[in-house]
C-alpha atoms as a PDB file:
ATOM      1  CA  MET A   1      29.009  36.226   6.743  1.00  0.00           C
ATOM      2  CA  ALA A   2      29.652  33.996   9.308  1.00  0.00           C
ATOM      3  CA  ASP A   3      33.266  33.172   9.594  1.00  0.00           C
ATOM      4  CA  ALA A   4      35.767  30.576   7.458  1.00  0.00           C
ATOM      5  CA  PRO A   5      36.227  27.068   9.587  1.00  0.00           C
ATOM      6  CA  LYS A   6      39.477  27.413  10.644  1.00  0.00           C
ATOM      7  CA  GLY A   7      42.518  25.025  11.994  1.00  0.00           C
ATOM      8  CA  GLY A   8      42.438  20.983  10.496  1.00  0.00           C
ATOM      9  CA  PRO A   9      40.626  19.120   8.373  1.00  0.00           C
ATOM     10  CA  VAL A  10      36.371  18.860   9.333  1.00  0.00           C
ATOM     11  CA  HIS A  11      35.000  15.647   8.218  1.00  0.00           C
ATOM     12  CA  TYR A  12      31.339  15.593   7.354  1.00  0.00           C
ATOM     13  CA  ALA A  13      29.375  12.290   8.085  1.00  0.00           C
ATOM     14  CA  GLY A  14      27.001  10.436   5.576  1.00  0.00           C
ATOM     15  CA  SER A  15      29.416  12.764   2.286  1.00  0.00           C
ATOM     16  CA  ALA A  16      30.800  10.668   0.788  1.00  0.00           C
ATOM     17  CA  GLY A  17      32.773  11.941  -2.456  1.00  0.00           C
ATOM     18  CA  SER A  18      32.417  14.320  -5.939  1.00  0.00           C
ATOM     19  CA  LEU A  19      28.833  15.560  -7.985  1.00  0.00           C
ATOM     20  CA  LYS A  20      29.730  14.689 -11.426  1.00  0.00           C
ATOM     21  CA  LYS A  21      29.384  18.072 -13.848  1.00  0.00           C
ATOM     22  CA  ALA A  22      26.220  16.976 -15.282  1.00  0.00           C
ATOM     23  CA  ASP A  23      24.475  17.144 -12.236  1.00  0.00           C
ATOM     24  CA  ILE A  24      26.759  20.191 -10.257  1.00  0.00           C
ATOM     25  CA  PHE A  25      25.369  21.497 -13.874  1.00  0.00           C
ATOM     26  CA  GLU A  26      21.877  20.916 -12.745  1.00  0.00           C
ATOM     27  CA  PHE A  27      22.483  21.439  -8.986  1.00  0.00           C
ATOM     28  CA  TYR A  28      23.009  25.048  -9.601  1.00  0.00           C
ATOM     29  CA  ARG A  29      20.206  25.423 -12.373  1.00  0.00           C
ATOM     30  CA  ARG A  30      17.396  23.584  -9.572  1.00  0.00           C
ATOM     31  CA  LEU A  31      19.200  26.911  -6.920  1.00  0.00           C
ATOM     32  CA  ALA A  32      18.935  29.775  -9.366  1.00  0.00           C
ATOM     33  CA  GLU A  33      15.422  28.608 -10.412  1.00  0.00           C
ATOM     34  CA  ALA A  34      13.869  28.870  -6.874  1.00  0.00           C
ATOM     35  CA  ASN A  35      16.090  32.791  -6.746  1.00  0.00           C
ATOM     36  CA  PRO A  36      17.205  33.980  -9.907  1.00  0.00           C
ATOM     37  CA  ALA A  37      19.240  36.844  -8.802  1.00  0.00           C
ATOM     38  CA  PRO A  38      19.578  36.108  -5.374  1.00  0.00           C
ATOM     39  CA  GLU A  39      22.657  39.011  -3.667  1.00  0.00           C
ATOM     40  CA  THR A  40      24.492  39.352  -0.181  1.00  0.00           C
ATOM     41  CA  GLU A  41      21.724  39.992   2.362  1.00  0.00           C
ATOM     42  CA  LEU A  42      24.256  42.156   3.913  1.00  0.00           C
ATOM     43  CA  ALA A  43      22.349  45.772   3.283  1.00  0.00           C
ATOM     44  CA  TYR A  44      25.428  48.199   2.062  1.00  0.00           C
ATOM     45  CA  GLY A  45      24.292  51.170  -0.561  1.00  0.00           C
ATOM     46  CA  ASN A  46      27.699  51.377  -3.073  1.00  0.00           C
ATOM     47  CA  ALA A  47      31.372  49.407  -3.159  1.00  0.00           C
ATOM     48  CA  TYR A  48      32.438  51.169  -0.103  1.00  0.00           C
ATOM     49  CA  GLN A  49      30.038  50.447   2.294  1.00  0.00           C
ATOM     50  CA  LEU A  50      29.704  46.974   1.515  1.00  0.00           C
ATOM     51  CA  LEU A  51      33.586  46.579   1.177  1.00  0.00           C
ATOM     52  CA  VAL A  52      33.301  48.344   4.920  1.00  0.00           C
ATOM     53  CA  ALA A  53      29.956  45.823   5.916  1.00  0.00           C
ATOM     54  CA  VAL A  54      31.896  42.431   4.984  1.00  0.00           C
ATOM     55  CA  THR A  55      34.926  43.747   7.250  1.00  0.00           C
ATOM     56  CA  CYS A  56      31.667  44.209  10.340  1.00  0.00           C
ATOM     57  CA  SER A  57      31.251  40.519   9.749  1.00  0.00           C
ATOM     58  CA  ALA A  58      33.026  38.214  10.513  1.00  0.00           C
ATOM     59  CA  GLN A  59      32.293  36.057  13.415  1.00  0.00           C
ATOM     60  CA  SER A  60      29.002  38.067  13.235  1.00  0.00           C
ATOM     61  CA  THR A  61      25.140  37.653  11.276  1.00  0.00           C
ATOM     62  CA  ASP A  62      24.744  39.990   8.942  1.00  0.00           C
ATOM     63  CA  VAL A  63      21.434  41.075  10.850  1.00  0.00           C
ATOM     64  CA  GLY A  64      23.291  42.441  13.496  1.00  0.00           C
ATOM     65  CA  VAL A  65      25.506  44.609  10.939  1.00  0.00           C
ATOM     66  CA  ASN A  66      23.184  45.616   9.081  1.00  0.00           C
ATOM     67  CA  LYS A  67      21.503  46.837  12.298  1.00  0.00           C
ATOM     68  CA  ALA A  68      24.565  48.085  13.668  1.00  0.00           C
ATOM     69  CA  THR A  69      25.777  50.189   9.731  1.00  0.00           C
ATOM     70  CA  LYS A  70      21.947  51.128   9.133  1.00  0.00           C
ATOM     71  CA  ALA A  71      22.362  54.286  10.306  1.00  0.00           C
ATOM     72  CA  LEU A  72      26.724  54.719  10.330  1.00  0.00           C
ATOM     73  CA  PHE A  73      25.562  53.800   6.807  1.00  0.00           C
ATOM     74  CA  GLU A  74      22.982  57.082   6.329  1.00  0.00           C
ATOM     75  CA  ASP A  75      25.812  59.855   7.627  1.00  0.00           C
ATOM     76  CA  VAL A  76      28.725  57.560   5.791  1.00  0.00           C
ATOM     77  CA  LYS A  77      28.595  57.347   2.420  1.00  0.00           C
ATOM     78  CA  THR A  78      32.301  57.614   1.448  1.00  0.00           C
ATOM     79  CA  PRO A  79      36.309  56.749   2.870  1.00  0.00           C
ATOM     80  CA  ALA A  80      37.005  60.300   3.485  1.00  0.00           C
ATOM     81  CA  GLN A  81      33.212  60.659   5.617  1.00  0.00           C
ATOM     82  CA  MET A  82      34.102  58.023   7.524  1.00  0.00           C
ATOM     83  CA  VAL A  83      37.880  58.763   8.331  1.00  0.00           C
ATOM     84  CA  ALA A  84      35.824  62.079   9.745  1.00  0.00           C
ATOM     85  CA  LEU A  85      33.514  60.489  11.846  1.00  0.00           C
ATOM     86  CA  GLY A  86      36.992  58.882  13.461  1.00  0.00           C
ATOM     87  CA  LEU A  87      37.450  55.998  15.788  1.00  0.00           C
ATOM     88  CA  GLU A  88      35.285  57.090  18.434  1.00  0.00           C
ATOM     89  CA  GLY A  89      32.461  58.243  16.571  1.00  0.00           C
ATOM     90  CA  LEU A  90      32.978  54.338  14.390  1.00  0.00           C
ATOM     91  CA  LYS A  91      32.243  52.098  17.974  1.00  0.00           C
ATOM     92  CA  SER A  92      29.227  54.019  18.742  1.00  0.00           C
ATOM     93  CA  HIS A  93      27.157  52.755  16.259  1.00  0.00           C
ATOM     94  CA  ILE A  94      29.393  49.174  15.910  1.00  0.00           C
ATOM     95  CA  LYS A  95      29.465  48.762  19.635  1.00  0.00           C
ATOM     96  CA  THR A  96      26.507  45.963  19.104  1.00  0.00           C
ATOM     97  CA  ILE A  97      28.764  43.393  17.451  1.00  0.00           C
ATOM     98  CA  GLY A  98      31.897  41.313  18.021  1.00  0.00           C
ATOM     99  CA  LEU A  99      35.166  42.117  17.949  1.00  0.00           C
ATOM    100  CA  TYR A 100      33.571  46.136  17.279  1.00  0.00           C
ATOM    101  CA  ASN A 101      37.219  47.621  18.588  1.00  0.00           C
ATOM    102  CA  ASN A 102      39.085  45.547  16.448  1.00  0.00           C
ATOM    103  CA  LYS A 103      36.604  46.152  13.707  1.00  0.00           C
ATOM    104  CA  ALA A 104      36.084  50.023  14.075  1.00  0.00           C
ATOM    105  CA  LYS A 105      39.587  50.250  14.316  1.00  0.00           C
ATOM    106  CA  ASN A 106      40.889  47.864  11.108  1.00  0.00           C
ATOM    107  CA  VAL A 107      37.759  50.261   9.029  1.00  0.00           C
ATOM    108  CA  ILE A 108      39.415  53.631   9.969  1.00  0.00           C
ATOM    109  CA  ALA A 109      42.579  52.681   9.205  1.00  0.00           C
ATOM    110  CA  LEU A 110      41.701  50.876   5.562  1.00  0.00           C
ATOM    111  CA  SER A 111      39.470  54.109   5.343  1.00  0.00           C
ATOM    112  CA  GLU A 112      43.013  56.273   4.977  1.00  0.00           C
ATOM    113  CA  ILE A 113      44.039  54.485   2.293  1.00  0.00           C
ATOM    114  CA  LEU A 114      41.411  54.490   0.431  1.00  0.00           C
ATOM    115  CA  VAL A 115      42.236  58.071  -0.029  1.00  0.00           C
ATOM    116  CA  ARG A 116      45.501  58.658   0.691  1.00  0.00           C
ATOM    117  CA  ASP A 117      45.583  55.556  -2.467  1.00  0.00           C
ATOM    118  CA  HIS A 118      43.028  55.004  -4.237  1.00  0.00           C
ATOM    119  CA  ALA A 119      41.013  58.275  -4.162  1.00  0.00           C
ATOM    120  CA  GLY A 120      38.245  57.268  -1.877  1.00  0.00           C
ATOM    121  CA  GLU A 121      37.652  54.688  -4.724  1.00  0.00           C
ATOM    122  CA  VAL A 122      36.823  50.571  -3.228  1.00  0.00           C
ATOM    123  CA  PRO A 123      40.210  49.052  -6.252  1.00  0.00           C
ATOM    124  CA  ALA A 124      38.007  45.955  -7.807  1.00  0.00           C
ATOM    125  CA  ASP A 125      41.714  43.921  -7.523  1.00  0.00           C
ATOM    126  CA  ARG A 126      42.119  41.446  -4.778  1.00  0.00           C
ATOM    127  CA  ASP A 127      45.816  41.536  -4.122  1.00  0.00           C
ATOM    128  CA  ALA A 128      45.108  45.774  -3.540  1.00  0.00           C
ATOM    129  CA  LEU A 129      41.897  44.561  -0.780  1.00  0.00           C
ATOM    130  CA  GLU A 130      43.935  41.833   0.402  1.00  0.00           C
ATOM    131  CA  ALA A 131      46.562  44.939   1.639  1.00  0.00           C
ATOM    132  CA  LEU A 132      43.452  46.368   3.260  1.00  0.00           C
ATOM    133  CA  PRO A 133      43.453  45.727   7.246  1.00  0.00           C
ATOM    134  CA  GLY A 134      41.169  43.845   7.963  1.00  0.00           C
ATOM    135  CA  VAL A 135      40.612  42.262   4.841  1.00  0.00           C
ATOM    136  CA  GLY A 136      41.021  39.021   4.075  1.00  0.00           C
ATOM    137  CA  ARG A 137      40.987  36.980   0.658  1.00  0.00           C
ATOM    138  CA  LYS A 138      37.583  35.795   1.749  1.00  0.00           C
ATOM    139  CA  THR A 139      36.107  39.650   2.445  1.00  0.00           C
ATOM    140  CA  ALA A 140      37.916  40.598  -1.039  1.00  0.00           C
ATOM    141  CA  ASN A 141      36.344  37.953  -2.450  1.00  0.00           C
ATOM    142  CA  VAL A 142      32.966  39.132  -1.304  1.00  0.00           C
ATOM    143  CA  VAL A 143      33.495  42.822  -2.640  1.00  0.00           C
ATOM    144  CA  MET A 144      35.147  41.671  -5.767  1.00  0.00           C
ATOM    145  CA  ASN A 145      32.211  39.284  -6.556  1.00  0.00           C
ATOM    146  CA  THR A 146      29.611  41.592  -5.455  1.00  0.00           C
ATOM    147  CA  ALA A 147      30.305  44.998  -6.325  1.00  0.00           C
ATOM    148  CA  PHE A 148      32.236  44.069  -9.758  1.00  0.00           C
ATOM    149  CA  GLY A 149      30.605  41.188 -10.835  1.00  0.00           C
ATOM    150  CA  ALA A 150      33.880  39.435 -10.506  1.00  0.00           C
ATOM    151  CA  GLU A 151      33.902  35.342 -11.203  1.00  0.00           C
ATOM    152  CA  THR A 152      35.057  34.710  -7.822  1.00  0.00           C
ATOM    153  CA  PHE A 153      34.224  32.044  -4.808  1.00  0.00           C
ATOM    154  CA  ALA A 154      33.841  33.515  -0.698  1.00  0.00           C
ATOM    155  CA  VAL A 155      34.055  30.592   1.343  1.00  0.00           C
ATOM    156  CA  ASP A 156      32.474  30.660   4.604  1.00  0.00           C
ATOM    157  CA  THR A 157      31.495  28.085   7.422  1.00  0.00           C
ATOM    158  CA  HIS A 158      28.143  27.608   5.269  1.00  0.00           C
ATOM    159  CA  ILE A 159      30.014  27.653   1.959  1.00  0.00           C
ATOM    160  CA  PHE A 160      32.530  24.870   2.985  1.00  0.00           C
ATOM    161  CA  ARG A 161      29.388  23.222   4.749  1.00  0.00           C
ATOM    162  CA  VAL A 162      27.763  22.513   1.363  1.00  0.00           C
ATOM    163  CA  GLY A 163      30.774  22.155  -0.904  1.00  0.00           C
ATOM    164  CA  ASN A 164      31.780  18.810   1.499  1.00  0.00           C
ATOM    165  CA  ARG A 165      28.663  18.034   2.459  1.00  0.00           C
ATOM    166  CA  THR A 166      26.653  17.759  -1.277  1.00  0.00           C
ATOM    167  CA  GLY A 167      29.180  16.697  -3.189  1.00  0.00           C
ATOM    168  CA  ILE A 168      29.744  19.705  -5.271  1.00  0.00           C
ATOM    169  CA  ALA A 169      33.660  21.259  -4.157  1.00  0.00           C
ATOM    170  CA  PRO A 170      34.744  18.649  -1.378  1.00  0.00           C
ATOM    171  CA  GLY A 171      38.280  19.729   0.156  1.00  0.00           C
ATOM    172  CA  LYS A 172      40.406  19.973   3.546  1.00  0.00           C
ATOM    173  CA  THR A 173      41.266  23.572   3.241  1.00  0.00           C
ATOM    174  CA  VAL A 174      39.121  26.800   3.111  1.00  0.00           C
ATOM    175  CA  LEU A 175      40.974  27.222  -0.460  1.00  0.00           C
ATOM    176  CA  ALA A 176      41.213  24.237  -1.507  1.00  0.00           C
ATOM    177  CA  VAL A 177      37.255  24.477  -1.304  1.00  0.00           C
ATOM    178  CA  GLU A 178      37.767  27.417  -3.471  1.00  0.00           C
ATOM    179  CA  LYS A 179      40.325  25.931  -5.792  1.00  0.00           C
ATOM    180  CA  ALA A 180      37.195  23.182  -5.869  1.00  0.00           C
ATOM    181  CA  LEU A 181      34.408  25.979  -6.893  1.00  0.00           C
ATOM    182  CA  ASP A 182      35.937  27.434  -9.303  1.00  0.00           C
ATOM    183  CA  LYS A 183      37.080  25.567 -11.335  1.00  0.00           C
ATOM    184  CA  LYS A 184      34.009  23.124 -11.200  1.00  0.00           C
ATOM    185  CA  THR A 185      31.292  25.983 -11.279  1.00  0.00           C
ATOM    186  CA  PRO A 186      30.063  26.057 -15.402  1.00  0.00           C
ATOM    187  CA  GLN A 187      28.754  29.118 -16.495  1.00  0.00           C
ATOM    188  CA  PRO A 188      26.005  31.293 -16.627  1.00  0.00           C
ATOM    189  CA  PHE A 189      26.543  30.783 -12.753  1.00  0.00           C
ATOM    190  CA  ARG A 190      29.732  31.345 -11.787  1.00  0.00           C
ATOM    191  CA  VAL A 191      28.864  34.554 -10.349  1.00  0.00           C
ATOM    192  CA  GLY A 192      25.834  33.867  -8.931  1.00  0.00           C
ATOM    193  CA  ALA A 193      27.570  30.312  -7.297  1.00  0.00           C
ATOM    194  CA  HIS A 194      28.646  32.922  -3.824  1.00  0.00           C
ATOM    195  CA  HIS A 195      25.264  34.034  -3.165  1.00  0.00           C
ATOM    196  CA  TRP A 196      23.313  30.496  -4.273  1.00  0.00           C
ATOM    197  CA  LEU A 197      26.471  28.414  -2.048  1.00  0.00           C
ATOM    198  CA  ILE A 198      25.580  30.686   0.736  1.00  0.00           C
ATOM    199  CA  LEU A 199      22.021  30.594   0.958  1.00  0.00           C
ATOM    200  CA  HIS A 200      21.644  27.619   1.206  1.00  0.00           C
ATOM    201  CA  GLY A 201      23.462  27.161   3.865  1.00  0.00           C
ATOM    202  CA  ARG A 202      22.439  29.131   5.935  1.00  0.00           C
ATOM    203  CA  TYR A 203      18.527  28.401   5.488  1.00  0.00           C
ATOM    204  CA  VAL A 204      18.252  24.781   4.565  1.00  0.00           C
ATOM    205  CA  CYS A 205      21.506  22.457   4.034  1.00  0.00           C
ATOM    206  CA  LYS A 206      21.963  23.900   8.288  1.00  0.00           C
ATOM    207  CA  ALA A 207      24.534  23.443  10.067  1.00  0.00           C
ATOM    208  CA  ARG A 208      23.573  20.681  13.060  1.00  0.00           C
ATOM    209  CA  THR A 209      20.641  19.603  10.932  1.00  0.00           C
ATOM    210  CA  PRO A 210      19.929  20.164   6.738  1.00  0.00           C
ATOM    211  CA  GLU A 211      16.468  20.069   5.923  1.00  0.00           C
ATOM    212  CA  CYS A 212      16.679  17.627   2.843  1.00  0.00           C
ATOM    213  CA  TRP A 213      13.137  16.872   3.421  1.00  0.00           C
ATOM    214  CA  ARG A 214      12.816  20.487   1.689  1.00  0.00           C
ATOM    215  CA  CYS A 215      15.709  20.230  -0.166  1.00  0.00           C
ATOM    216  CA  PRO A 216      15.393  21.228  -4.155  1.00  0.00           C
ATOM    217  CA  VAL A 217      18.751  19.003  -5.195  1.00  0.00           C
ATOM    218  CA  ALA A 218      18.220  16.449  -2.786  1.00  0.00           C
ATOM    219  CA  ASP A 219      18.204  13.731  -5.443  1.00  0.00           C
ATOM    220  CA  LEU A 220      21.863  14.536  -6.082  1.00  0.00           C
ATOM    221  CA  CYS A 221      23.557  15.066  -3.376  1.00  0.00           C
ATOM    222  CA  ARG A 222      25.529  13.002  -1.548  1.00  0.00           C
ATOM    223  CA  PHE A 223      24.857  13.250   2.437  1.00  0.00           C
ATOM    224  CA  LYS A 224      22.919   9.850   3.343  1.00  0.00           C
ATOM    225  CA  PRO A 225      21.056   9.559   5.091  1.00  0.00           C
ATOM    226  CA  LYS A 226      18.636  12.048   4.524  1.00  0.00           C
ATOM    227  CA  THR A 227      16.611  14.057   7.684  1.00  0.00           C
ATOM    228  CA  ALA A 228      12.833  13.391   6.725  1.00  0.00           C
ATOM    229  CA  PRO A 229      10.503  15.809   8.730  1.00  0.00           C
ATOM    230  CA  PRO A 230       9.752  16.761  11.932  1.00  0.00           C
ATOM    231  CA  ARG A 231       6.278  15.105  11.785  1.00  0.00           C
ATOM    232  CA  ILE A 232       7.868  12.140  10.570  1.00  0.00           C
ATOM    233  CA  GLN A 233      10.236  12.651  12.787  1.00  0.00           C
ATOM    234  CA  SER A 234       8.376  13.053  16.093  1.00  0.00           C
ATOM    235  CA  ALA A 235       6.925  10.027  15.164  1.00  0.00           C
ATOM    236  CA  LYS A 236       9.295   7.855  14.541  1.00  0.00           C
ATOM    237  CA  VAL A 237      10.701   9.428  17.922  1.00  0.00           C
ATOM    238  CA  GLN A 238       6.889   8.435  19.341  1.00  0.00           C
ATOM    239  CA  THR A 239       7.414   4.777  18.696  1.00  0.00           C
ATOM    240  CA  ASP A 240      10.698   3.774  19.370  1.00  0.00           C
ATOM    241  CA  THR A 241       9.449   5.361  22.773  1.00  0.00           C
ATOM    242  CA  VAL A 242       6.990   3.059  23.002  1.00  0.00           C
ATOM    243  CA  LYS A 243       8.688   0.241  22.077  1.00  0.00           C
ATOM    244  CA  ALA A 244      11.558   0.811  24.986  1.00  0.00           C
ATOM    245  CA  VAL A 245       8.649   1.264  27.340  1.00  0.00           C
ATOM    246  CA  THR A 246       6.417  -2.398  25.946  1.00  0.00           C
END
C-alpha cells in the first residue's frame, strides 16, 4: 500500500473546488456499481496476518508484499508463531521488500506485545493499534476497516490524490483529507469507500496521467482538462508534428 504524501501541501493542477453532496453520492454509487464488493489487494488469512501485511507495505507494492508473505503466512498465523520464528527467520521471508530490516524488527516487537498484552489477538481499537511498533494512523485505519468493518478512511498517496484531484475530499494534509472523507462520505458507502478510492487511484486516476477517457465518474470530477484515449492523443501528436514541419 502506497505511503501517504509527506511534507507540505500538494496541489493537483486542474482541480477546482469540492463536489456537491448529490455528486458525492453518485460518485460512490457508480464505483460501487462497477465493483460491489471491493477488497484490499493484500493477501491475508486473519486479522493478525493483515496487520503484518499492512505494516510491511510501507513504500512497497501490494504485489511485492504478497510475494514476500506467501510462504510466511503458510506457517505463521499467530503472533506467538511469529515470535517463535524470530527476527532472522522473518527477515529471510521478507528480504525482497524495501526497509525489510526495520519492518522485521517492528513485526517481531508488535507480535510480542500482542502476546503479552492482548492475549494474542489484534485489538479493534485505533489507540491500541497505534501503540504497536510500526503502526501509524493509516495502518490502524486499514486494519480497523478491513478486519473489523469499521467506518475508517485510511489515506495513502492514491486516496490523497483522488480526494484532491476529483474534489470529493480536498485537503492540504493527509489528516484533512481523512476528515473530509469521514464528514462527506454517505451511507451505504462508508465501509467500502477506502477500497473504492484506492483502487480507483491505482488503476484509473493514476498519478502521472489520469485515464479520464475510461473513468466512470469523469463527468462528476473537477479535474480539467480531461485526458483523451491514447489513440486520440497519438493522432493529435502526429497532427501537431505535421503542422510544425510544414
